[in-house]
Amino acid sequence: MRKYEPIGDLIYFISKELKTRLDEELKDRNLGQGQILTLMTLFRLKEKDEIDQDVLSKEMGINKANTSRNLAKLKQNGFIEINQNPIDQRRKQVVLTPKAYEEMFNIEKILKEIHKEMIKDLDEESLTNTLNTLNKMKNNLSEKKL
């Protein structure tokens, strides 16, 4: 088991390096990691009829206070609009603006370049095994302990 202990360190390093590279590429765009995660989640959920803070918090796995701060920054910078729910006035709906669509195009382009660099020289079988293994590890950590 001891020889596999570096796995966690490697996953942490890769995650940190991905975040650092993304920050470097997006530093002039007024977007931090939280806002990027929020935007990416909004795009993933955009086909849903209703996107609100509760849904976002649950999808991103962060608390409502952090979600609220991310949404406020995105609104301030013109990436989203926050509207009253016409049915339930206590709830607010998040709507992506044209600026968000333009920015998401840029983010996706940057992410594809970083991803391409990360997996260069790896064959399909290695990538498939890695993906399966990482998904299993994620599921193991996500299981609720009784």
N, C-alpha and C. Protein backbone atom coordinates (compact mmCIF):
# COMPACT_ATOMS: atom_id res chain seq x y z
N MET A 1 0.81 -1.20 0.00
CA MET A 1 0.00 0.00 0.00
C MET A 1 0.85 1.27 0.00
N ARG A 2 2.00 1.19 0.67
CA ARG A 2 2.85 2.35 0.83
C ARG A 2 3.32 2.92 -0.52
N LYS A 3 3.54 2.04 -1.49
CA LYS A 3 4.03 2.53 -2.77
C LYS A 3 2.98 3.36 -3.52
N TYR A 4 1.70 3.30 -3.09
CA TYR A 4 0.64 4.05 -3.75
C TYR A 4 0.33 5.38 -3.04
N GLU A 5 0.99 5.65 -1.95
CA GLU A 5 0.74 6.87 -1.20
C GLU A 5 0.96 8.14 -2.02
N PRO A 6 1.89 8.17 -2.98
CA PRO A 6 2.07 9.40 -3.77
C PRO A 6 0.87 9.76 -4.67
N ILE A 7 -0.09 8.86 -4.82
CA ILE A 7 -1.24 9.14 -5.69
C ILE A 7 -1.95 10.42 -5.26
N GLY A 8 -2.26 10.53 -3.98
CA GLY A 8 -2.94 11.74 -3.48
C GLY A 8 -2.13 12.99 -3.73
N ASP A 9 -0.82 12.91 -3.50
CA ASP A 9 0.05 14.06 -3.74
C ASP A 9 0.04 14.46 -5.22
N LEU A 10 0.09 13.47 -6.10
CA LEU A 10 0.07 13.75 -7.54
C LEU A 10 -1.24 14.38 -7.97
N ILE A 11 -2.35 13.86 -7.45
CA ILE A 11 -3.66 14.43 -7.79
C ILE A 11 -3.73 15.88 -7.31
N TYR A 12 -3.26 16.12 -6.09
CA TYR A 12 -3.24 17.47 -5.55
C TYR A 12 -2.38 18.40 -6.41
N PHE A 13 -1.17 17.94 -6.78
CA PHE A 13 -0.27 18.74 -7.59
C PHE A 13 -0.89 19.06 -8.95
N ILE A 14 -1.49 18.06 -9.59
CA ILE A 14 -2.11 18.28 -10.90
C ILE A 14 -3.23 19.30 -10.77
N SER A 15 -4.06 19.16 -9.75
CA SER A 15 -5.17 20.11 -9.53
C SER A 15 -4.64 21.52 -9.32
N LYS A 16 -3.61 21.63 -8.49
CA LYS A 16 -3.01 22.94 -8.22
C LYS A 16 -2.41 23.54 -9.49
N GLU A 17 -1.73 22.73 -10.27
CA GLU A 17 -1.12 23.21 -11.51
C GLU A 17 -2.19 23.65 -12.52
N LEU A 18 -3.27 22.88 -12.62
CA LEU A 18 -4.37 23.27 -13.52
C LEU A 18 -4.96 24.61 -13.11
N LYS A 19 -5.17 24.80 -11.81
CA LYS A 19 -5.73 26.07 -11.32
C LYS A 19 -4.76 27.22 -11.57
N THR A 20 -3.47 26.98 -11.33
CA THR A 20 -2.46 28.03 -11.56
C THR A 20 -2.43 28.44 -13.02
N ARG A 21 -2.43 27.46 -13.91
CA ARG A 21 -2.39 27.77 -15.35
C ARG A 21 -3.63 28.54 -15.77
N LEU A 22 -4.79 28.10 -15.28
CA LEU A 22 -6.03 28.79 -15.63
C LEU A 22 -6.02 30.22 -15.10
N ASP A 23 -5.57 30.40 -13.87
CA ASP A 23 -5.47 31.75 -13.30
C ASP A 23 -4.56 32.63 -14.14
N GLU A 24 -3.42 32.10 -14.57
CA GLU A 24 -2.49 32.87 -15.40
C GLU A 24 -3.14 33.31 -16.70
N GLU A 25 -3.86 32.41 -17.32
CA GLU A 25 -4.49 32.71 -18.61
C GLU A 25 -5.66 33.69 -18.48
N LEU A 26 -6.32 33.69 -17.33
CA LEU A 26 -7.52 34.52 -17.17
C LEU A 26 -7.33 35.71 -16.23
N LYS A 27 -6.08 36.02 -15.88
CA LYS A 27 -5.83 37.06 -14.88
C LYS A 27 -6.37 38.44 -15.26
N ASP A 28 -6.45 38.74 -16.54
CA ASP A 28 -6.92 40.06 -16.98
C ASP A 28 -8.43 40.12 -17.19
N ARG A 29 -9.14 39.08 -16.81
CA ARG A 29 -10.57 39.00 -17.12
C ARG A 29 -11.49 39.15 -15.90
N ASN A 30 -10.96 39.50 -14.74
CA ASN A 30 -11.78 39.67 -13.55
C ASN A 30 -12.51 38.40 -13.13
N LEU A 31 -11.88 37.26 -13.32
CA LEU A 31 -12.49 35.99 -12.94
C LEU A 31 -11.54 35.19 -12.06
N GLY A 32 -12.00 34.89 -10.85
CA GLY A 32 -11.23 34.02 -9.96
C GLY A 32 -11.73 32.60 -10.11
N GLN A 33 -11.11 31.69 -9.35
CA GLN A 33 -11.49 30.28 -9.43
C GLN A 33 -12.96 30.06 -9.11
N GLY A 34 -13.46 30.75 -8.10
CA GLY A 34 -14.87 30.59 -7.72
C GLY A 34 -15.82 31.01 -8.81
N GLN A 35 -15.51 32.12 -9.45
CA GLN A 35 -16.38 32.60 -10.52
C GLN A 35 -16.30 31.69 -11.74
N ILE A 36 -15.11 31.17 -12.02
CA ILE A 36 -14.96 30.24 -13.15
C ILE A 36 -15.77 28.98 -12.91
N LEU A 37 -15.65 28.42 -11.69
CA LEU A 37 -16.43 27.22 -11.35
C LEU A 37 -17.92 27.50 -11.47
N THR A 38 -18.34 28.67 -10.99
CA THR A 38 -19.77 29.03 -11.05
C THR A 38 -20.22 29.16 -12.50
N LEU A 39 -19.44 29.85 -13.32
CA LEU A 39 -19.80 30.00 -14.74
C LEU A 39 -19.88 28.64 -15.44
N MET A 40 -18.89 27.79 -15.20
CA MET A 40 -18.88 26.48 -15.83
C MET A 40 -20.09 25.66 -15.40
N THR A 41 -20.46 25.76 -14.14
CA THR A 41 -21.63 25.04 -13.64
C THR A 41 -22.90 25.60 -14.26
N LEU A 42 -22.99 26.92 -14.36
CA LEU A 42 -24.17 27.54 -14.99
C LEU A 42 -24.32 27.07 -16.44
N PHE A 43 -23.20 26.97 -17.15
CA PHE A 43 -23.28 26.51 -18.54
C PHE A 43 -23.70 25.05 -18.62
N ARG A 44 -23.23 24.25 -17.67
CA ARG A 44 -23.62 22.84 -17.65
C ARG A 44 -25.10 22.69 -17.36
N LEU A 45 -25.66 23.60 -16.57
CA LEU A 45 -27.06 23.52 -16.15
C LEU A 45 -27.99 24.39 -16.99
N LYS A 46 -27.47 25.06 -17.98
CA LYS A 46 -28.26 26.09 -18.68
C LYS A 46 -29.54 25.59 -19.33
N GLU A 47 -29.65 24.30 -19.59
CA GLU A 47 -30.87 23.76 -20.20
C GLU A 47 -31.99 23.55 -19.19
N LYS A 48 -31.66 23.64 -17.91
CA LYS A 48 -32.69 23.50 -16.88
C LYS A 48 -33.60 24.71 -16.92
N ASP A 49 -34.85 24.50 -16.56
CA ASP A 49 -35.80 25.60 -16.55
C ASP A 49 -35.43 26.68 -15.54
N GLU A 50 -34.92 26.23 -14.41
CA GLU A 50 -34.64 27.15 -13.33
C GLU A 50 -33.27 26.87 -12.72
N ILE A 51 -32.46 27.89 -12.63
CA ILE A 51 -31.18 27.77 -11.95
C ILE A 51 -31.19 28.80 -10.83
N ASP A 52 -31.10 28.31 -9.60
CA ASP A 52 -31.05 29.24 -8.48
C ASP A 52 -29.85 28.91 -7.60
N GLN A 53 -29.68 29.70 -6.56
CA GLN A 53 -28.51 29.57 -5.70
C GLN A 53 -28.44 28.20 -5.02
N ASP A 54 -29.58 27.66 -4.61
CA ASP A 54 -29.59 26.35 -3.96
C ASP A 54 -29.07 25.26 -4.90
N VAL A 55 -29.55 25.28 -6.12
CA VAL A 55 -29.13 24.30 -7.12
C VAL A 55 -27.63 24.43 -7.37
N LEU A 56 -27.16 25.66 -7.53
CA LEU A 56 -25.74 25.89 -7.78
C LEU A 56 -24.87 25.41 -6.62
N SER A 57 -25.24 25.74 -5.42
CA SER A 57 -24.47 25.32 -4.25
C SER A 57 -24.34 23.82 -4.19
N LYS A 58 -25.44 23.14 -4.43
CA LYS A 58 -25.43 21.67 -4.39
C LYS A 58 -24.56 21.10 -5.51
N GLU A 59 -24.70 21.62 -6.71
CA GLU A 59 -23.94 21.12 -7.87
C GLU A 59 -22.44 21.34 -7.71
N MET A 60 -22.06 22.48 -7.12
CA MET A 60 -20.63 22.80 -6.98
C MET A 60 -20.03 22.24 -5.70
N GLY A 61 -20.88 21.83 -4.77
CA GLY A 61 -20.38 21.29 -3.52
C GLY A 61 -19.78 22.36 -2.61
N ILE A 62 -20.32 23.58 -2.70
CA ILE A 62 -19.84 24.66 -1.83
C ILE A 62 -21.04 25.26 -1.10
N ASN A 63 -20.76 26.01 -0.04
CA ASN A 63 -21.87 26.56 0.74
C ASN A 63 -22.53 27.75 0.04
N LYS A 64 -23.71 28.11 0.54
CA LYS A 64 -24.50 29.17 -0.10
C LYS A 64 -23.81 30.54 -0.01
N ALA A 65 -23.06 30.77 1.05
CA ALA A 65 -22.37 32.06 1.20
C ALA A 65 -21.33 32.24 0.09
N ASN A 66 -20.55 31.19 -0.18
CA ASN A 66 -19.57 31.27 -1.27
C ASN A 66 -20.26 31.41 -2.62
N THR A 67 -21.33 30.67 -2.80
CA THR A 67 -22.10 30.77 -4.05
C THR A 67 -22.62 32.19 -4.23
N SER A 68 -23.14 32.76 -3.17
CA SER A 68 -23.67 34.12 -3.22
C SER A 68 -22.59 35.13 -3.59
N ARG A 69 -21.40 34.99 -3.01
CA ARG A 69 -20.29 35.90 -3.34
C ARG A 69 -19.88 35.75 -4.81
N ASN A 70 -19.81 34.51 -5.28
CA ASN A 70 -19.45 34.29 -6.69
C ASN A 70 -20.48 34.91 -7.61
N LEU A 71 -21.75 34.72 -7.29
CA LEU A 71 -22.82 35.28 -8.12
C LEU A 71 -22.77 36.82 -8.11
N ALA A 72 -22.52 37.39 -6.96
CA ALA A 72 -22.44 38.86 -6.86
C ALA A 72 -21.32 39.41 -7.74
N LYS A 73 -20.17 38.75 -7.73
CA LYS A 73 -19.04 39.18 -8.56
C LYS A 73 -19.35 39.01 -10.05
N LEU A 74 -19.98 37.89 -10.38
CA LEU A 74 -20.34 37.66 -11.79
C LEU A 74 -21.35 38.69 -12.26
N LYS A 75 -22.30 39.04 -11.41
CA LYS A 75 -23.29 40.07 -11.77
C LYS A 75 -22.62 41.43 -11.92
N GLN A 76 -21.76 41.76 -10.97
CA GLN A 76 -21.04 43.04 -11.00
C GLN A 76 -20.23 43.20 -12.28
N ASN A 77 -19.67 42.10 -12.77
CA ASN A 77 -18.84 42.15 -13.98
C ASN A 77 -19.62 41.85 -15.26
N GLY A 78 -20.94 41.75 -15.16
CA GLY A 78 -21.78 41.64 -16.34
C GLY A 78 -21.89 40.25 -16.96
N PHE A 79 -21.54 39.22 -16.20
CA PHE A 79 -21.61 37.86 -16.74
C PHE A 79 -22.98 37.21 -16.54
N ILE A 80 -23.73 37.68 -15.55
CA ILE A 80 -25.05 37.12 -15.27
C ILE A 80 -26.03 38.22 -14.90
N GLU A 81 -27.30 37.88 -14.96
CA GLU A 81 -28.37 38.70 -14.40
C GLU A 81 -29.08 37.84 -13.38
N ILE A 82 -29.57 38.46 -12.33
CA ILE A 82 -30.32 37.74 -11.32
C ILE A 82 -31.73 38.32 -11.29
N ASN A 83 -32.72 37.48 -11.61
CA ASN A 83 -34.11 37.92 -11.72
C ASN A 83 -34.98 37.23 -10.68
N GLN A 84 -36.07 37.89 -10.32
CA GLN A 84 -37.06 37.29 -9.43
C GLN A 84 -37.74 36.13 -10.16
N ASN A 85 -37.99 35.07 -9.44
CA ASN A 85 -38.76 33.96 -9.98
C ASN A 85 -40.21 34.44 -10.07
N PRO A 86 -40.83 34.35 -11.27
CA PRO A 86 -42.20 34.86 -11.42
C PRO A 86 -43.23 34.10 -10.58
N ILE A 87 -42.93 32.88 -10.23
CA ILE A 87 -43.87 32.06 -9.45
C ILE A 87 -43.65 32.22 -7.95
N ASP A 88 -42.39 32.24 -7.54
CA ASP A 88 -42.04 32.35 -6.12
C ASP A 88 -41.10 33.54 -5.94
N GLN A 89 -41.63 34.65 -5.45
CA GLN A 89 -40.87 35.90 -5.33
C GLN A 89 -39.68 35.79 -4.37
N ARG A 90 -39.68 34.78 -3.51
CA ARG A 90 -38.56 34.61 -2.57
C ARG A 90 -37.34 34.02 -3.26
N ARG A 91 -37.54 33.42 -4.41
CA ARG A 91 -36.44 32.77 -5.13
C ARG A 91 -35.97 33.65 -6.28
N LYS A 92 -34.70 33.53 -6.58
CA LYS A 92 -34.13 34.30 -7.69
C LYS A 92 -33.55 33.33 -8.72
N GLN A 93 -33.67 33.71 -9.97
CA GLN A 93 -33.15 32.90 -11.07
C GLN A 93 -31.91 33.57 -11.64
N VAL A 94 -30.94 32.74 -12.01
CA VAL A 94 -29.69 33.22 -12.58
C VAL A 94 -29.74 33.03 -14.09
N VAL A 95 -29.43 34.10 -14.83
CA VAL A 95 -29.47 34.07 -16.29
C VAL A 95 -28.11 34.51 -16.84
N LEU A 96 -27.57 33.74 -17.76
CA LEU A 96 -26.29 34.07 -18.39
C LEU A 96 -26.48 35.20 -19.40
N THR A 97 -25.52 36.11 -19.46
CA THR A 97 -25.56 37.22 -20.41
C THR A 97 -24.73 36.87 -21.66
N PRO A 98 -24.88 37.64 -22.73
CA PRO A 98 -24.02 37.41 -23.91
C PRO A 98 -22.53 37.49 -23.56
N LYS A 99 -22.16 38.36 -22.62
CA LYS A 99 -20.76 38.45 -22.20
C LYS A 99 -20.29 37.12 -21.61
N ALA A 100 -21.15 36.43 -20.88
CA ALA A 100 -20.79 35.13 -20.30
C ALA A 100 -20.55 34.10 -21.39
N TYR A 101 -21.39 34.12 -22.43
CA TYR A 101 -21.20 33.18 -23.54
C TYR A 101 -19.87 33.43 -24.25
N GLU A 102 -19.55 34.67 -24.44
CA GLU A 102 -18.27 35.02 -25.08
C GLU A 102 -17.10 34.57 -24.20
N GLU A 103 -17.22 34.82 -22.90
CA GLU A 103 -16.15 34.45 -21.99
C GLU A 103 -16.01 32.94 -21.87
N MET A 104 -17.12 32.23 -21.89
CA MET A 104 -17.06 30.78 -21.78
C MET A 104 -16.36 30.18 -22.99
N PHE A 105 -16.54 30.78 -24.14
CA PHE A 105 -15.82 30.35 -25.34
C PHE A 105 -14.31 30.45 -25.10
N ASN A 106 -13.88 31.57 -24.51
CA ASN A 106 -12.45 31.77 -24.20
C ASN A 106 -11.95 30.77 -23.15
N ILE A 107 -12.74 30.56 -22.12
CA ILE A 107 -12.36 29.62 -21.06
C ILE A 107 -12.21 28.21 -21.63
N GLU A 108 -13.17 27.80 -22.45
CA GLU A 108 -13.11 26.46 -23.05
C GLU A 108 -11.87 26.30 -23.92
N LYS A 109 -11.55 27.34 -24.66
CA LYS A 109 -10.36 27.31 -25.51
C LYS A 109 -9.09 27.13 -24.67
N ILE A 110 -9.00 27.88 -23.58
CA ILE A 110 -7.85 27.79 -22.68
C ILE A 110 -7.79 26.41 -22.03
N LEU A 111 -8.93 25.92 -21.57
CA LEU A 111 -8.97 24.60 -20.92
C LEU A 111 -8.56 23.49 -21.89
N LYS A 112 -8.99 23.60 -23.14
CA LYS A 112 -8.62 22.59 -24.13
C LYS A 112 -7.12 22.58 -24.37
N GLU A 113 -6.50 23.74 -24.40
CA GLU A 113 -5.05 23.82 -24.59
C GLU A 113 -4.31 23.21 -23.40
N ILE A 114 -4.76 23.54 -22.20
CA ILE A 114 -4.13 22.99 -20.99
C ILE A 114 -4.32 21.47 -20.97
N HIS A 115 -5.52 21.01 -21.29
CA HIS A 115 -5.81 19.57 -21.30
C HIS A 115 -4.94 18.85 -22.33
N LYS A 116 -4.83 19.46 -23.50
CA LYS A 116 -4.00 18.87 -24.56
C LYS A 116 -2.56 18.70 -24.10
N GLU A 117 -2.04 19.72 -23.43
CA GLU A 117 -0.67 19.65 -22.91
C GLU A 117 -0.56 18.56 -21.83
N MET A 118 -1.58 18.47 -20.98
CA MET A 118 -1.55 17.52 -19.87
C MET A 118 -1.53 16.07 -20.35
N ILE A 119 -2.24 15.76 -21.42
CA ILE A 119 -2.34 14.35 -21.84
C ILE A 119 -1.45 13.99 -23.02
N LYS A 120 -0.59 14.92 -23.44
CA LYS A 120 0.27 14.62 -24.58
C LYS A 120 1.12 13.37 -24.29
N ASP A 121 1.37 12.62 -25.31
CA ASP A 121 2.18 11.40 -25.25
C ASP A 121 1.56 10.27 -24.43
N LEU A 122 0.27 10.36 -24.12
CA LEU A 122 -0.42 9.27 -23.42
C LEU A 122 -1.33 8.54 -24.41
N ASP A 123 -1.28 7.22 -24.41
CA ASP A 123 -2.11 6.45 -25.33
C ASP A 123 -3.54 6.33 -24.77
N GLU A 124 -4.45 5.93 -25.66
CA GLU A 124 -5.87 5.87 -25.30
C GLU A 124 -6.15 4.90 -24.15
N GLU A 125 -5.48 3.76 -24.15
CA GLU A 125 -5.70 2.79 -23.07
C GLU A 125 -5.29 3.37 -21.71
N SER A 126 -4.16 4.05 -21.66
CA SER A 126 -3.72 4.67 -20.41
C SER A 126 -4.71 5.72 -19.94
N LEU A 127 -5.18 6.53 -20.88
CA LEU A 127 -6.15 7.57 -20.53
C LEU A 127 -7.46 6.97 -20.03
N THR A 128 -7.94 5.92 -20.69
CA THR A 128 -9.18 5.26 -20.28
C THR A 128 -9.02 4.67 -18.88
N ASN A 129 -7.90 3.99 -18.64
CA ASN A 129 -7.65 3.41 -17.31
C ASN A 129 -7.55 4.50 -16.24
N THR A 130 -6.89 5.58 -16.57
CA THR A 130 -6.75 6.68 -15.61
C THR A 130 -8.11 7.28 -15.29
N LEU A 131 -8.91 7.52 -16.32
CA LEU A 131 -10.25 8.08 -16.11
C LEU A 131 -11.10 7.16 -15.24
N ASN A 132 -11.09 5.88 -15.54
CA ASN A 132 -11.86 4.92 -14.74
C ASN A 132 -11.39 4.89 -13.29
N THR A 133 -10.09 4.90 -13.10
CA THR A 133 -9.51 4.86 -11.76
C THR A 133 -9.87 6.12 -10.97
N LEU A 134 -9.72 7.28 -11.60
CA LEU A 134 -10.04 8.54 -10.91
C LEU A 134 -11.52 8.62 -10.55
N ASN A 135 -12.38 8.15 -11.44
CA ASN A 135 -13.82 8.14 -11.13
C ASN A 135 -14.11 7.24 -9.95
N LYS A 136 -13.47 6.09 -9.90
CA LYS A 136 -13.66 5.17 -8.78
C LYS A 136 -13.17 5.81 -7.48
N MET A 137 -12.02 6.48 -7.53
CA MET A 137 -11.49 7.15 -6.34
C MET A 137 -12.45 8.24 -5.86
N LYS A 138 -12.97 9.01 -6.81
CA LYS A 138 -13.92 10.07 -6.47
C LYS A 138 -15.16 9.48 -5.81
N ASN A 139 -15.68 8.40 -6.39
CA ASN A 139 -16.85 7.75 -5.81
C ASN A 139 -16.56 7.21 -4.43
N ASN A 140 -15.38 6.62 -4.23
CA ASN A 140 -15.00 6.11 -2.91
C ASN A 140 -15.02 7.23 -1.87
N LEU A 141 -14.48 8.38 -2.24
CA LEU A 141 -14.43 9.50 -1.31
C LEU A 141 -15.81 10.14 -1.10
N SER A 142 -16.69 10.02 -2.08
CA SER A 142 -18.01 10.63 -2.00
C SER A 142 -19.00 9.80 -1.20
N GLU A 143 -18.72 8.52 -1.02
CA GLU A 143 -19.64 7.66 -0.29
C GLU A 143 -19.79 8.16 1.13
N LYS A 144 -21.03 8.20 1.58
CA LYS A 144 -21.31 8.66 2.94
C LYS A 144 -20.95 7.55 3.93
N LYS A 145 -20.23 7.91 4.95
CA LYS A 145 -19.87 6.96 5.99
C LYS A 145 -21.03 6.87 7.00
N LEU A 146 -21.41 5.67 7.34
CA LEU A 146 -22.52 5.48 8.30
C LEU A 146 -22.08 5.60 9.73
